[in-house]
Amino acid sequence: MPVDDLAIDLNHVEKRFGRSVHALRGVNMQVHGGEVFGLLGPNGAGKSTLVKIMMTVVHASHATGTILGRRIGHKPTLKRIGYLPEHARFPSYLSGRQVIDFFGAMAKMPRPQRRVRVDQMLELVGAAEYADRKIKTYSKGMQQRIGLAQAMVHDPDLLVLDEPTDGVDPIGRRDIREALTQIRDDGKTVFINSHLLSELEMVCERVAFLVQGQVVKQGRIEDLTFDQVHYQIVLHRPMGVEAIGSALAVEWDGQIGASVTGKTAEGLLLELTDSTLTLRSSDPLDAQPLIDRLRAADMVITDVRSVRPTLEELLLQAVGENGGAS
């Protein structure tokens, strides 16, 4: 599908379990074709329920929208989706190779095509060395690799992964990230639900925050964090408040714990903690004159870095702004 098309366009998705549990409260979410998209939220927010509705494992109380351009639950379209559910389990008496081949057969792939594709997937997820061992001998991480391979074996246009790196060691998580990047580069769309936010931060272009059954924020990570970006200037050694104030013409106006805050003559907000000077601005041009003045005052700068909130910090903000988890 063209990259600019919406691979997922969900509107007003509701799900109630009985009278007391309102799991999803009108979810609206859009995923572009050819991107890796992350769904974030605290436990109980409704993430896995939303994924199961997309895959028709659970039926929505109400939902409109499309997946790969067709209505939710359109059976021919489901064939174009690869799915790794949370807590996936495979027959313990099969080998990893047999599991992947079985799912390829379920997708009606011809045997010669399956044989080639299974080998490709085993290499892609880093599972070739133990492909012929029984699943019952696999660790959780090894099973997750096979789960990812079975979801990709029929070359789907959309890959839906529910906690794909759960129980996977750091090397395995790196291999899975590399596999997902390759899939994206091939023009496919990847939708990931995960609680490992540092992993999503390394692979996702866009994310959505699900809190109490509602999407409260979504967009490119850079856009979501733009107004919270700031610059840190690290000096070779701690400098006195007076010395910094003199070099930058800062009027110090308060102290917060171990930090002191102030404002320059240009109105720039600064915070000094030990040897680190923080500029509360997202504009790199604001940092340049400060650096020049510090150097003119013979202060040695060891680092200048742009700092933005992590996905974990953004999620905590979203939870706090919207009343916590359900």
C-alpha atoms as a PDB file:
ATOM      1  CA  MET A   1       0.000   0.000   0.000  1.00  0.00           C
ATOM      2  CA  PRO A   2       1.214   3.573  -0.565  1.00  0.00           C
ATOM      3  CA  VAL A   3       3.187   4.902   2.382  1.00  0.00           C
ATOM      4  CA  ASP A   4       0.956   7.960   2.755  1.00  0.00           C
ATOM      5  CA  ASP A   5      -2.237   5.885   3.157  1.00  0.00           C
ATOM      6  CA  LEU A   6      -3.603   5.073   6.596  1.00  0.00           C
ATOM      7  CA  ALA A   7      -2.886   1.466   7.497  1.00  0.00           C
ATOM      8  CA  ILE A   8      -5.080   1.798  10.606  1.00  0.00           C
ATOM      9  CA  ASP A   9      -7.857   4.356  11.045  1.00  0.00           C
ATOM     10  CA  LEU A  10      -9.889   3.682  14.190  1.00  0.00           C
ATOM     11  CA  ASN A  11     -12.771   5.884  15.301  1.00  0.00           C
ATOM     12  CA  HIS A  12     -14.994   5.793  18.378  1.00  0.00           C
ATOM     13  CA  VAL A  13     -13.897   2.316  19.490  1.00  0.00           C
ATOM     14  CA  GLU A  14     -15.828   1.310  22.612  1.00  0.00           C
ATOM     15  CA  LYS A  15     -15.664  -1.866  24.643  1.00  0.00           C
ATOM     16  CA  ARG A  16     -17.658  -2.762  27.734  1.00  0.00           C
ATOM     17  CA  PHE A  17     -17.362  -5.976  29.712  1.00  0.00           C
ATOM     18  CA  GLY A  18     -20.677  -6.326  31.455  1.00  0.00           C
ATOM     19  CA  ARG A  19     -22.100  -3.245  33.113  1.00  0.00           C
ATOM     20  CA  SER A  20     -19.196  -2.310  35.338  1.00  0.00           C
ATOM     21  CA  VAL A  21     -16.054  -2.409  33.146  1.00  0.00           C
ATOM     22  CA  HIS A  22     -15.702   0.253  30.453  1.00  0.00           C
ATOM     23  CA  ALA A  23     -12.379  -0.851  28.929  1.00  0.00           C
ATOM     24  CA  LEU A  24     -12.309   1.430  25.870  1.00  0.00           C
ATOM     25  CA  ARG A  25     -14.024   4.812  25.810  1.00  0.00           C
ATOM     26  CA  GLY A  26     -14.121   6.055  22.232  1.00  0.00           C
ATOM     27  CA  VAL A  27     -10.604   5.384  20.928  1.00  0.00           C
ATOM     28  CA  ASN A  28      -9.505   7.387  17.888  1.00  0.00           C
ATOM     29  CA  MET A  29      -6.146   6.406  16.409  1.00  0.00           C
ATOM     30  CA  GLN A  30      -4.428   6.661  13.028  1.00  0.00           C
ATOM     31  CA  VAL A  31      -1.381   4.723  11.821  1.00  0.00           C
ATOM     32  CA  HIS A  32       0.293   5.641   8.533  1.00  0.00           C
ATOM     33  CA  GLY A  33       1.432   3.049   6.043  1.00  0.00           C
ATOM     34  CA  GLY A  34       5.138   2.203   6.116  1.00  0.00           C
ATOM     35  CA  GLU A  35       5.830   3.286   9.701  1.00  0.00           C
ATOM     36  CA  VAL A  36       6.554   1.647  13.044  1.00  0.00           C
ATOM     37  CA  PHE A  37       3.871   2.804  15.473  1.00  0.00           C
ATOM     38  CA  GLY A  38       3.859   2.268  19.235  1.00  0.00           C
ATOM     39  CA  LEU A  39       0.875   2.019  21.567  1.00  0.00           C
ATOM     40  CA  LEU A  40       1.764   3.053  25.122  1.00  0.00           C
ATOM     41  CA  GLY A  41      -0.165   3.037  28.352  1.00  0.00           C
ATOM     42  CA  PRO A  42      -0.203   1.809  31.946  1.00  0.00           C
ATOM     43  CA  ASN A  43      -1.468  -1.626  32.897  1.00  0.00           C
ATOM     44  CA  GLY A  44      -5.254  -1.766  32.625  1.00  0.00           C
ATOM     45  CA  ALA A  45      -5.447   1.051  30.079  1.00  0.00           C
ATOM     46  CA  GLY A  46      -7.008  -1.210  27.430  1.00  0.00           C
ATOM     47  CA  LYS A  47      -4.037  -1.718  25.089  1.00  0.00           C
ATOM     48  CA  SER A  48      -4.366  -5.478  24.617  1.00  0.00           C
ATOM     49  CA  THR A  49      -8.147  -5.162  24.339  1.00  0.00           C
ATOM     50  CA  LEU A  50      -7.712  -2.689  21.489  1.00  0.00           C
ATOM     51  CA  VAL A  51      -5.257  -5.000  19.716  1.00  0.00           C
ATOM     52  CA  LYS A  52      -7.658  -7.939  20.075  1.00  0.00           C
ATOM     53  CA  ILE A  53     -10.492  -5.858  18.615  1.00  0.00           C
ATOM     54  CA  MET A  54      -8.305  -5.012  15.620  1.00  0.00           C
ATOM     55  CA  MET A  55      -7.642  -8.733  15.138  1.00  0.00           C
ATOM     56  CA  THR A  56     -11.328  -9.701  15.806  1.00  0.00           C
ATOM     57  CA  VAL A  57     -10.308 -11.850  18.780  1.00  0.00           C
ATOM     58  CA  VAL A  58     -12.606  -9.579  20.809  1.00  0.00           C
ATOM     59  CA  HIS A  59     -15.649  -7.813  19.366  1.00  0.00           C
ATOM     60  CA  ALA A  60     -16.072  -4.124  20.066  1.00  0.00           C
ATOM     61  CA  SER A  61     -19.219  -2.761  21.664  1.00  0.00           C
ATOM     62  CA  HIS A  62     -18.988  -0.038  19.025  1.00  0.00           C
ATOM     63  CA  ALA A  63     -16.359   0.795  16.415  1.00  0.00           C
ATOM     64  CA  THR A  64     -15.970   2.453  13.045  1.00  0.00           C
ATOM     65  CA  GLY A  65     -12.892   2.765  10.883  1.00  0.00           C
ATOM     66  CA  THR A  66     -10.655   0.719   8.653  1.00  0.00           C
ATOM     67  CA  ILE A  67      -7.588  -1.509   8.680  1.00  0.00           C
ATOM     68  CA  LEU A  68      -5.598  -1.603   5.428  1.00  0.00           C
ATOM     69  CA  GLY A  69      -8.417   0.355   3.837  1.00  0.00           C
ATOM     70  CA  ARG A  70     -11.216  -2.074   4.686  1.00  0.00           C
ATOM     71  CA  ARG A  71     -13.652  -2.280   7.580  1.00  0.00           C
ATOM     72  CA  ILE A  72     -12.504  -3.883  10.824  1.00  0.00           C
ATOM     73  CA  GLY A  73     -12.965  -7.655  10.615  1.00  0.00           C
ATOM     74  CA  HIS A  74     -12.931  -7.883   6.800  1.00  0.00           C
ATOM     75  CA  LYS A  75     -11.760 -11.488   6.370  1.00  0.00           C
ATOM     76  CA  PRO A  76      -9.712 -11.144   3.155  1.00  0.00           C
ATOM     77  CA  THR A  77      -7.894  -8.214   4.772  1.00  0.00           C
ATOM     78  CA  LEU A  78      -7.069 -10.255   7.872  1.00  0.00           C
ATOM     79  CA  LYS A  79      -4.967 -12.478   5.609  1.00  0.00           C
ATOM     80  CA  ARG A  80      -2.719  -9.470   4.969  1.00  0.00           C
ATOM     81  CA  ILE A  81      -1.987  -9.030   8.686  1.00  0.00           C
ATOM     82  CA  GLY A  82       0.653 -10.801  10.755  1.00  0.00           C
ATOM     83  CA  TYR A  83      -0.152 -11.152  14.455  1.00  0.00           C
ATOM     84  CA  LEU A  84       1.869 -12.024  17.532  1.00  0.00           C
ATOM     85  CA  PRO A  85      -0.486 -12.081  20.540  1.00  0.00           C
ATOM     86  CA  GLU A  86       0.547 -11.454  24.104  1.00  0.00           C
ATOM     87  CA  HIS A  87       1.567 -14.694  25.880  1.00  0.00           C
ATOM     88  CA  ALA A  88       1.691 -16.612  22.586  1.00  0.00           C
ATOM     89  CA  ARG A  89       1.958 -20.385  23.032  1.00  0.00           C
ATOM     90  CA  PHE A  90       2.898 -23.004  20.444  1.00  0.00           C
ATOM     91  CA  PRO A  91       2.653 -26.830  20.491  1.00  0.00           C
ATOM     92  CA  SER A  92       5.583 -28.016  22.602  1.00  0.00           C
ATOM     93  CA  TYR A  93       6.179 -31.123  20.471  1.00  0.00           C
ATOM     94  CA  LEU A  94       6.896 -29.088  17.318  1.00  0.00           C
ATOM     95  CA  SER A  95      10.236 -27.557  16.430  1.00  0.00           C
ATOM     96  CA  GLY A  96      10.594 -23.863  15.776  1.00  0.00           C
ATOM     97  CA  ARG A  97      10.870 -24.552  12.055  1.00  0.00           C
ATOM     98  CA  GLN A  98       7.688 -26.643  12.110  1.00  0.00           C
ATOM     99  CA  VAL A  99       5.771 -23.901  13.939  1.00  0.00           C
ATOM    100  CA  ILE A 100       6.668 -21.299  11.320  1.00  0.00           C
ATOM    101  CA  ASP A 101       5.892 -23.735   8.500  1.00  0.00           C
ATOM    102  CA  PHE A 102       2.525 -24.554  10.099  1.00  0.00           C
ATOM    103  CA  PHE A 103       1.484 -20.911  10.158  1.00  0.00           C
ATOM    104  CA  GLY A 104       2.653 -20.497   6.581  1.00  0.00           C
ATOM    105  CA  ALA A 105       0.453 -23.440   5.606  1.00  0.00           C
ATOM    106  CA  MET A 106      -2.490 -21.849   7.440  1.00  0.00           C
ATOM    107  CA  ALA A 107      -1.916 -18.782   5.264  1.00  0.00           C
ATOM    108  CA  LYS A 108      -2.184 -21.099   2.218  1.00  0.00           C
ATOM    109  CA  MET A 109       1.415 -20.600   1.135  1.00  0.00           C
ATOM    110  CA  PRO A 110       2.618 -23.291  -1.323  1.00  0.00           C
ATOM    111  CA  ARG A 111       5.115 -25.736   0.179  1.00  0.00           C
ATOM    112  CA  PRO A 112       8.117 -24.671  -1.987  1.00  0.00           C
ATOM    113  CA  GLN A 113       7.495 -21.035  -1.075  1.00  0.00           C
ATOM    114  CA  ARG A 114       7.174 -21.920   2.607  1.00  0.00           C
ATOM    115  CA  ARG A 115      10.464 -23.785   2.600  1.00  0.00           C
ATOM    116  CA  VAL A 116      12.341 -20.737   1.343  1.00  0.00           C
ATOM    117  CA  ARG A 117      10.422 -18.239   3.456  1.00  0.00           C
ATOM    118  CA  VAL A 118      10.812 -20.210   6.702  1.00  0.00           C
ATOM    119  CA  ASP A 119      14.594 -20.211   6.319  1.00  0.00           C
ATOM    120  CA  GLN A 120      14.549 -16.474   5.621  1.00  0.00           C
ATOM    121  CA  MET A 121      12.499 -15.754   8.726  1.00  0.00           C
ATOM    122  CA  LEU A 122      14.696 -17.926  10.949  1.00  0.00           C
ATOM    123  CA  GLU A 123      17.724 -15.946   9.820  1.00  0.00           C
ATOM    124  CA  LEU A 124      15.926 -12.622  10.193  1.00  0.00           C
ATOM    125  CA  VAL A 125      14.983 -13.212  13.842  1.00  0.00           C
ATOM    126  CA  GLY A 126      18.255 -14.928  14.755  1.00  0.00           C
ATOM    127  CA  ALA A 127      16.733 -18.360  15.461  1.00  0.00           C
ATOM    128  CA  ALA A 128      18.377 -20.517  12.782  1.00  0.00           C
ATOM    129  CA  GLU A 129      20.775 -22.255  15.180  1.00  0.00           C
ATOM    130  CA  TYR A 130      17.997 -23.834  17.242  1.00  0.00           C
ATOM    131  CA  ALA A 131      15.306 -24.063  14.544  1.00  0.00           C
ATOM    132  CA  ASP A 132      15.079 -27.865  14.705  1.00  0.00           C
ATOM    133  CA  ARG A 133      14.853 -28.175  18.476  1.00  0.00           C
ATOM    134  CA  LYS A 134      11.498 -28.771  20.146  1.00  0.00           C
ATOM    135  CA  ILE A 135       9.604 -25.747  21.401  1.00  0.00           C
ATOM    136  CA  LYS A 136       9.459 -27.326  24.874  1.00  0.00           C
ATOM    137  CA  THR A 137      13.232 -26.766  25.178  1.00  0.00           C
ATOM    138  CA  TYR A 138      12.996 -23.053  24.296  1.00  0.00           C
ATOM    139  CA  SER A 139      13.395 -20.145  26.665  1.00  0.00           C
ATOM    140  CA  LYS A 140      10.764 -17.391  26.658  1.00  0.00           C
ATOM    141  CA  GLY A 141      13.001 -15.226  24.497  1.00  0.00           C
ATOM    142  CA  MET A 142      13.514 -18.012  21.962  1.00  0.00           C
ATOM    143  CA  GLN A 143       9.757 -18.565  21.752  1.00  0.00           C
ATOM    144  CA  GLN A 144       9.206 -14.849  21.143  1.00  0.00           C
ATOM    145  CA  ARG A 145      11.610 -14.951  18.200  1.00  0.00           C
ATOM    146  CA  ILE A 146       9.688 -17.863  16.701  1.00  0.00           C
ATOM    147  CA  GLY A 147       6.453 -15.980  17.388  1.00  0.00           C
ATOM    148  CA  LEU A 148       7.731 -12.985  15.455  1.00  0.00           C
ATOM    149  CA  ALA A 149       8.840 -15.239  12.591  1.00  0.00           C
ATOM    150  CA  GLN A 150       5.433 -16.949  12.319  1.00  0.00           C
ATOM    151  CA  ALA A 151       3.742 -13.544  12.200  1.00  0.00           C
ATOM    152  CA  MET A 152       5.927 -12.509   9.256  1.00  0.00           C
ATOM    153  CA  VAL A 153       6.147 -15.753   7.297  1.00  0.00           C
ATOM    154  CA  HIS A 154       3.318 -14.921   4.853  1.00  0.00           C
ATOM    155  CA  ASP A 155       4.810 -11.478   4.087  1.00  0.00           C
ATOM    156  CA  PRO A 156       1.973  -9.395   5.587  1.00  0.00           C
ATOM    157  CA  ASP A 157       1.371  -5.728   4.801  1.00  0.00           C
ATOM    158  CA  LEU A 158       0.652  -4.997   8.474  1.00  0.00           C
ATOM    159  CA  LEU A 159       2.388  -6.575  11.453  1.00  0.00           C
ATOM    160  CA  VAL A 160       0.574  -6.341  14.810  1.00  0.00           C
ATOM    161  CA  LEU A 161       2.727  -7.225  17.805  1.00  0.00           C
ATOM    162  CA  ASP A 162       1.444  -7.424  21.377  1.00  0.00           C
ATOM    163  CA  GLU A 163       4.435  -7.236  23.777  1.00  0.00           C
ATOM    164  CA  PRO A 164       6.925  -8.722  21.268  1.00  0.00           C
ATOM    165  CA  THR A 165      10.013  -8.280  23.478  1.00  0.00           C
ATOM    166  CA  ASP A 166       8.465  -9.591  26.707  1.00  0.00           C
ATOM    167  CA  GLY A 167      10.973 -11.968  28.304  1.00  0.00           C
ATOM    168  CA  VAL A 168      13.618 -11.326  25.648  1.00  0.00           C
ATOM    169  CA  ASP A 169      17.211 -10.583  26.684  1.00  0.00           C
ATOM    170  CA  PRO A 170      19.031  -7.439  25.451  1.00  0.00           C
ATOM    171  CA  ILE A 171      20.629  -9.242  22.503  1.00  0.00           C
ATOM    172  CA  GLY A 172      17.249 -10.638  21.480  1.00  0.00           C
ATOM    173  CA  ARG A 173      15.626  -7.203  21.751  1.00  0.00           C
ATOM    174  CA  ARG A 174      18.337  -5.772  19.512  1.00  0.00           C
ATOM    175  CA  ASP A 175      17.759  -8.520  16.930  1.00  0.00           C
ATOM    176  CA  ILE A 176      14.002  -7.893  16.997  1.00  0.00           C
ATOM    177  CA  ARG A 177      14.538  -4.129  16.570  1.00  0.00           C
ATOM    178  CA  GLU A 178      16.738  -4.778  13.565  1.00  0.00           C
ATOM    179  CA  ALA A 179      14.139  -7.125  12.085  1.00  0.00           C
ATOM    180  CA  LEU A 180      11.375  -4.550  12.532  1.00  0.00           C
ATOM    181  CA  THR A 181      13.525  -1.857  10.937  1.00  0.00           C
ATOM    182  CA  GLN A 182      14.097  -4.094   7.923  1.00  0.00           C
ATOM    183  CA  ILE A 183      10.367  -4.797   7.661  1.00  0.00           C
ATOM    184  CA  ARG A 184       9.633  -1.060   7.740  1.00  0.00           C
ATOM    185  CA  ASP A 185      12.286  -0.425   5.089  1.00  0.00           C
ATOM    186  CA  ASP A 186      10.479  -2.972   2.906  1.00  0.00           C
ATOM    187  CA  GLY A 187       7.408  -0.706   3.022  1.00  0.00           C
ATOM    188  CA  LYS A 188       5.438  -2.668   5.615  1.00  0.00           C
ATOM    189  CA  THR A 189       3.605  -1.208   8.610  1.00  0.00           C
ATOM    190  CA  VAL A 190       4.379  -2.335  12.158  1.00  0.00           C
ATOM    191  CA  PHE A 191       2.045  -1.740  15.106  1.00  0.00           C
ATOM    192  CA  ILE A 192       3.551  -2.515  18.526  1.00  0.00           C
ATOM    193  CA  ASN A 193       1.948  -2.634  21.952  1.00  0.00           C
ATOM    194  CA  SER A 194       4.667  -2.764  24.579  1.00  0.00           C
ATOM    195  CA  HIS A 195       5.445  -1.667  28.124  1.00  0.00           C
ATOM    196  CA  LEU A 196       9.200  -1.505  27.344  1.00  0.00           C
ATOM    197  CA  LEU A 197       9.221   2.174  26.497  1.00  0.00           C
ATOM    198  CA  SER A 198      12.963   2.415  25.906  1.00  0.00           C
ATOM    199  CA  GLU A 199      12.583  -0.207  23.161  1.00  0.00           C
ATOM    200  CA  LEU A 200       9.765   1.684  21.469  1.00  0.00           C
ATOM    201  CA  GLU A 201      11.745   4.902  21.637  1.00  0.00           C
ATOM    202  CA  MET A 202      14.490   3.347  19.522  1.00  0.00           C
ATOM    203  CA  VAL A 203      12.260   1.989  16.759  1.00  0.00           C
ATOM    204  CA  CYS A 204       8.987   3.975  16.549  1.00  0.00           C
ATOM    205  CA  GLU A 205       8.361   7.078  14.456  1.00  0.00           C
ATOM    206  CA  ARG A 206       4.956   7.793  15.979  1.00  0.00           C
ATOM    207  CA  VAL A 207       3.199   6.743  19.183  1.00  0.00           C
ATOM    208  CA  ALA A 208      -0.175   6.973  20.920  1.00  0.00           C
ATOM    209  CA  PHE A 209      -0.800   7.163  24.667  1.00  0.00           C
ATOM    210  CA  LEU A 210      -3.792   5.173  25.907  1.00  0.00           C
ATOM    211  CA  VAL A 211      -4.989   6.167  29.391  1.00  0.00           C
ATOM    212  CA  GLN A 212      -8.239   4.991  30.981  1.00  0.00           C
ATOM    213  CA  GLY A 213      -9.459   3.611  27.668  1.00  0.00           C
ATOM    214  CA  GLN A 214      -8.859   6.797  25.670  1.00  0.00           C
ATOM    215  CA  VAL A 215      -6.079   8.001  23.369  1.00  0.00           C
ATOM    216  CA  VAL A 216      -4.951  11.190  25.079  1.00  0.00           C
ATOM    217  CA  LYS A 217      -1.960  11.965  22.829  1.00  0.00           C
ATOM    218  CA  GLN A 218      -0.632  10.707  19.522  1.00  0.00           C
ATOM    219  CA  GLY A 219       1.898  11.844  16.968  1.00  0.00           C
ATOM    220  CA  ARG A 220       5.585  11.930  16.106  1.00  0.00           C
ATOM    221  CA  ILE A 221       7.842  11.653  19.148  1.00  0.00           C
ATOM    222  CA  GLU A 222       9.677  14.819  18.089  1.00  0.00           C
ATOM    223  CA  ASP A 223       6.421  16.760  17.881  1.00  0.00           C
ATOM    224  CA  LEU A 224       5.128  15.498  21.234  1.00  0.00           C
ATOM    225  CA  THR A 225       8.313  16.575  22.986  1.00  0.00           C
ATOM    226  CA  PHE A 226       9.129  19.770  21.072  1.00  0.00           C
ATOM    227  CA  ASP A 227       7.881  22.251  23.661  1.00  0.00           C
ATOM    228  CA  GLN A 228       9.762  20.416  26.431  1.00  0.00           C
ATOM    229  CA  VAL A 229      13.187  20.272  24.785  1.00  0.00           C
ATOM    230  CA  HIS A 230      15.944  22.115  26.660  1.00  0.00           C
ATOM    231  CA  TYR A 231      19.709  22.482  26.478  1.00  0.00           C
ATOM    232  CA  GLN A 232      22.319  21.523  29.049  1.00  0.00           C
ATOM    233  CA  ILE A 233      25.777  23.080  29.154  1.00  0.00           C
ATOM    234  CA  VAL A 234      28.190  21.057  31.278  1.00  0.00           C
ATOM    235  CA  LEU A 235      31.221  22.827  32.710  1.00  0.00           C
ATOM    236  CA  HIS A 236      34.557  21.239  33.555  1.00  0.00           C
ATOM    237  CA  ARG A 237      33.987  21.813  37.275  1.00  0.00           C
ATOM    238  CA  PRO A 238      31.297  23.374  39.450  1.00  0.00           C
ATOM    239  CA  MET A 239      31.344  27.159  39.232  1.00  0.00           C
ATOM    240  CA  GLY A 240      29.994  29.542  41.800  1.00  0.00           C
ATOM    241  CA  VAL A 241      26.619  31.159  41.363  1.00  0.00           C
ATOM    242  CA  GLU A 242      28.282  34.576  41.381  1.00  0.00           C
ATOM    243  CA  ALA A 243      30.750  33.641  38.641  1.00  0.00           C
ATOM    244  CA  ILE A 244      28.039  32.246  36.382  1.00  0.00           C
ATOM    245  CA  GLY A 245      25.796  35.209  37.092  1.00  0.00           C
ATOM    246  CA  SER A 246      28.536  37.646  36.209  1.00  0.00           C
ATOM    247  CA  ALA A 247      29.489  35.841  32.977  1.00  0.00           C
ATOM    248  CA  LEU A 248      25.911  35.558  31.713  1.00  0.00           C
ATOM    249  CA  ALA A 249      24.367  38.647  33.333  1.00  0.00           C
ATOM    250  CA  VAL A 250      21.908  36.423  35.190  1.00  0.00           C
ATOM    251  CA  GLU A 251      19.624  37.633  37.930  1.00  0.00           C
ATOM    252  CA  TRP A 252      19.176  34.665  40.257  1.00  0.00           C
ATOM    253  CA  ASP A 253      15.707  34.607  41.749  1.00  0.00           C
ATOM    254  CA  GLY A 254      15.246  31.362  43.647  1.00  0.00           C
ATOM    255  CA  GLN A 255      16.534  27.997  44.764  1.00  0.00           C
ATOM    256  CA  ILE A 256      14.912  24.584  44.267  1.00  0.00           C
ATOM    257  CA  GLY A 257      16.711  21.952  46.306  1.00  0.00           C
ATOM    258  CA  ALA A 258      20.316  21.826  45.104  1.00  0.00           C
ATOM    259  CA  SER A 259      19.552  24.031  42.086  1.00  0.00           C
ATOM    260  CA  VAL A 260      19.325  27.779  41.677  1.00  0.00           C
ATOM    261  CA  THR A 261      17.159  29.420  39.005  1.00  0.00           C
ATOM    262  CA  GLY A 262      17.400  32.740  37.273  1.00  0.00           C
ATOM    263  CA  LYS A 263      16.832  34.774  34.135  1.00  0.00           C
ATOM    264  CA  THR A 264      19.174  36.516  31.690  1.00  0.00           C
ATOM    265  CA  ALA A 265      18.725  40.067  30.473  1.00  0.00           C
ATOM    266  CA  GLU A 266      17.184  38.573  27.297  1.00  0.00           C
ATOM    267  CA  GLY A 267      14.590  36.767  29.394  1.00  0.00           C
ATOM    268  CA  LEU A 268      16.072  33.259  29.029  1.00  0.00           C
ATOM    269  CA  LEU A 269      15.326  30.927  31.958  1.00  0.00           C
ATOM    270  CA  LEU A 270      18.340  29.160  33.455  1.00  0.00           C
ATOM    271  CA  GLU A 271      18.914  26.560  36.144  1.00  0.00           C
ATOM    272  CA  LEU A 272      22.291  25.786  37.681  1.00  0.00           C
ATOM    273  CA  THR A 273      23.006  22.462  39.407  1.00  0.00           C
ATOM    274  CA  ASP A 274      26.638  21.811  40.346  1.00  0.00           C
ATOM    275  CA  SER A 275      28.502  21.980  37.016  1.00  0.00           C
ATOM    276  CA  THR A 276      25.419  21.757  34.769  1.00  0.00           C
ATOM    277  CA  LEU A 277      23.660  24.826  33.406  1.00  0.00           C
ATOM    278  CA  THR A 278      20.191  24.138  31.973  1.00  0.00           C
ATOM    279  CA  LEU A 279      18.623  26.485  29.432  1.00  0.00           C
ATOM    280  CA  ARG A 280      14.832  26.210  29.286  1.00  0.00           C
ATOM    281  CA  SER A 281      14.528  26.724  25.543  1.00  0.00           C
ATOM    282  CA  SER A 282      14.126  24.474  22.510  1.00  0.00           C
ATOM    283  CA  ASP A 283      15.860  26.973  20.185  1.00  0.00           C
ATOM    284  CA  PRO A 284      19.538  26.143  19.599  1.00  0.00           C
ATOM    285  CA  LEU A 285      20.191  29.775  18.717  1.00  0.00           C
ATOM    286  CA  ASP A 286      19.455  30.740  22.332  1.00  0.00           C
ATOM    287  CA  ALA A 287      22.333  28.569  23.551  1.00  0.00           C
ATOM    288  CA  GLN A 288      25.023  30.064  21.310  1.00  0.00           C
ATOM    289  CA  PRO A 289      25.534  33.446  23.061  1.00  0.00           C
ATOM    290  CA  LEU A 290      25.586  31.716  26.457  1.00  0.00           C
ATOM    291  CA  ILE A 291      28.368  29.417  25.292  1.00  0.00           C
ATOM    292  CA  ASP A 292      30.311  32.387  23.903  1.00  0.00           C
ATOM    293  CA  ARG A 293      30.018  34.307  27.195  1.00  0.00           C
ATOM    294  CA  LEU A 294      31.103  31.323  29.279  1.00  0.00           C
ATOM    295  CA  ARG A 295      34.168  30.809  27.099  1.00  0.00           C
ATOM    296  CA  ALA A 296      34.953  34.507  27.218  1.00  0.00           C
ATOM    297  CA  ALA A 297      34.993  34.135  31.009  1.00  0.00           C
ATOM    298  CA  ASP A 298      37.613  31.324  30.650  1.00  0.00           C
ATOM    299  CA  MET A 299      35.154  28.604  31.706  1.00  0.00           C
ATOM    300  CA  VAL A 300      35.807  25.174  30.176  1.00  0.00           C
ATOM    301  CA  ILE A 301      32.772  23.491  28.595  1.00  0.00           C
ATOM    302  CA  THR A 302      32.899  19.684  28.419  1.00  0.00           C
ATOM    303  CA  ASP A 303      29.483  19.000  26.861  1.00  0.00           C
ATOM    304  CA  VAL A 304      26.505  20.692  25.240  1.00  0.00           C
ATOM    305  CA  ARG A 305      23.447  18.526  24.696  1.00  0.00           C
ATOM    306  CA  SER A 306      19.836  18.785  23.663  1.00  0.00           C
ATOM    307  CA  VAL A 307      17.596  16.989  26.153  1.00  0.00           C
ATOM    308  CA  ARG A 308      13.984  15.979  25.613  1.00  0.00           C
ATOM    309  CA  PRO A 309      11.593  13.975  27.770  1.00  0.00           C
ATOM    310  CA  THR A 310      11.727  10.199  27.394  1.00  0.00           C
ATOM    311  CA  LEU A 311       8.635   8.219  26.457  1.00  0.00           C
ATOM    312  CA  GLU A 312       8.446   7.124  30.079  1.00  0.00           C
ATOM    313  CA  GLU A 313       8.315  10.757  31.221  1.00  0.00           C
ATOM    314  CA  LEU A 314       5.688  11.580  28.593  1.00  0.00           C
ATOM    315  CA  LEU A 315       3.572   8.617  29.698  1.00  0.00           C
ATOM    316  CA  LEU A 316       3.788   9.647  33.339  1.00  0.00           C
ATOM    317  CA  GLN A 317       2.685  13.150  32.339  1.00  0.00           C
ATOM    318  CA  ALA A 318      -0.236  11.765  30.345  1.00  0.00           C
ATOM    319  CA  VAL A 319      -1.314   9.524  33.226  1.00  0.00           C
ATOM    320  CA  GLY A 320      -1.071  12.407  35.689  1.00  0.00           C
ATOM    321  CA  GLU A 321      -3.021  14.758  33.454  1.00  0.00           C
ATOM    322  CA  ASN A 322      -5.784  12.210  32.890  1.00  0.00           C
ATOM    323  CA  GLY A 323      -6.357  10.770  36.328  1.00  0.00           C
ATOM    324  CA  GLY A 324      -4.193   7.633  36.365  1.00  0.00           C
ATOM    325  CA  ALA A 325      -4.760   4.098  35.126  1.00  0.00           C
ATOM    326  CA  SER A 326      -8.092   2.374  35.020  1.00  0.00           C
END
